[in-house]
Amino acid sequence: MSDQVNQERAADGVADAMAATAIITIIVFGMYLWLSGMPS
């Protein structure tokens, strides 16, 4: 039973890491689009 709990926690960690990476990627891409539209 402890092994199952550890696997669930590992899966949650992977999901959290992927979500954080996706959020950061969206923010960086949005900043890129915003700044590329500004006059130089």
C-alpha atoms as a PDB file:
ATOM      1  CA  MET A   1       0.000   0.000   0.000  1.00  0.00           C
ATOM      2  CA  SER A   2       2.872   2.356   0.719  1.00  0.00           C
ATOM      3  CA  ASP A   3       4.252   1.709  -2.758  1.00  0.00           C
ATOM      4  CA  GLN A   4       0.928   2.764  -4.305  1.00  0.00           C
ATOM      5  CA  VAL A   5       0.952   6.007  -2.305  1.00  0.00           C
ATOM      6  CA  ASN A   6       4.507   6.732  -3.434  1.00  0.00           C
ATOM      7  CA  GLN A   7       3.561   6.136  -7.079  1.00  0.00           C
ATOM      8  CA  GLU A   8       0.585   8.486  -6.764  1.00  0.00           C
ATOM      9  CA  ARG A   9       2.783  11.170  -5.229  1.00  0.00           C
ATOM     10  CA  ALA A  10       5.352  10.743  -8.022  1.00  0.00           C
ATOM     11  CA  ALA A  11       2.602  11.045 -10.641  1.00  0.00           C
ATOM     12  CA  ASP A  12       1.281  14.167  -8.922  1.00  0.00           C
ATOM     13  CA  GLY A  13       4.792  15.631  -8.938  1.00  0.00           C
ATOM     14  CA  VAL A  14       5.166  14.995 -12.656  1.00  0.00           C
ATOM     15  CA  ALA A  15       1.779  16.571 -13.351  1.00  0.00           C
ATOM     16  CA  ASP A  16       2.676  19.611 -11.233  1.00  0.00           C
ATOM     17  CA  ALA A  17       6.001  19.996 -13.032  1.00  0.00           C
ATOM     18  CA  MET A  18       4.334  19.785 -16.443  1.00  0.00           C
ATOM     19  CA  ALA A  19       1.685  22.329 -15.436  1.00  0.00           C
ATOM     20  CA  ALA A  20       4.299  24.753 -14.120  1.00  0.00           C
ATOM     21  CA  THR A  21       6.361  24.366 -17.303  1.00  0.00           C
ATOM     22  CA  ALA A  22       3.286  25.004 -19.465  1.00  0.00           C
ATOM     23  CA  ILE A  23       2.352  28.125 -17.497  1.00  0.00           C
ATOM     24  CA  ILE A  24       5.879  29.545 -17.724  1.00  0.00           C
ATOM     25  CA  THR A  25       6.004  28.773 -21.461  1.00  0.00           C
ATOM     26  CA  ILE A  26       2.699  30.576 -22.057  1.00  0.00           C
ATOM     27  CA  ILE A  27       3.876  33.617 -20.076  1.00  0.00           C
ATOM     28  CA  VAL A  28       7.212  33.786 -21.927  1.00  0.00           C
ATOM     29  CA  PHE A  29       5.499  33.384 -25.306  1.00  0.00           C
ATOM     30  CA  GLY A  30       2.995  36.098 -24.420  1.00  0.00           C
ATOM     31  CA  MET A  31       5.778  38.465 -23.396  1.00  0.00           C
ATOM     32  CA  TYR A  32       7.593  37.685 -26.656  1.00  0.00           C
ATOM     33  CA  LEU A  33       4.511  38.515 -28.707  1.00  0.00           C
ATOM     34  CA  TRP A  34       3.864  41.680 -26.721  1.00  0.00           C
ATOM     35  CA  LEU A  35       7.428  42.947 -26.981  1.00  0.00           C
ATOM     36  CA  SER A  36       7.818  41.998 -30.656  1.00  0.00           C
ATOM     37  CA  GLY A  37       4.813  44.194 -31.460  1.00  0.00           C
ATOM     38  CA  MET A  38       6.375  47.273 -29.895  1.00  0.00           C
ATOM     39  CA  PRO A  39       8.194  49.733 -32.135  1.00  0.00           C
ATOM     40  CA  SER A  40      11.953  49.522 -31.936  1.00  0.00           C
END
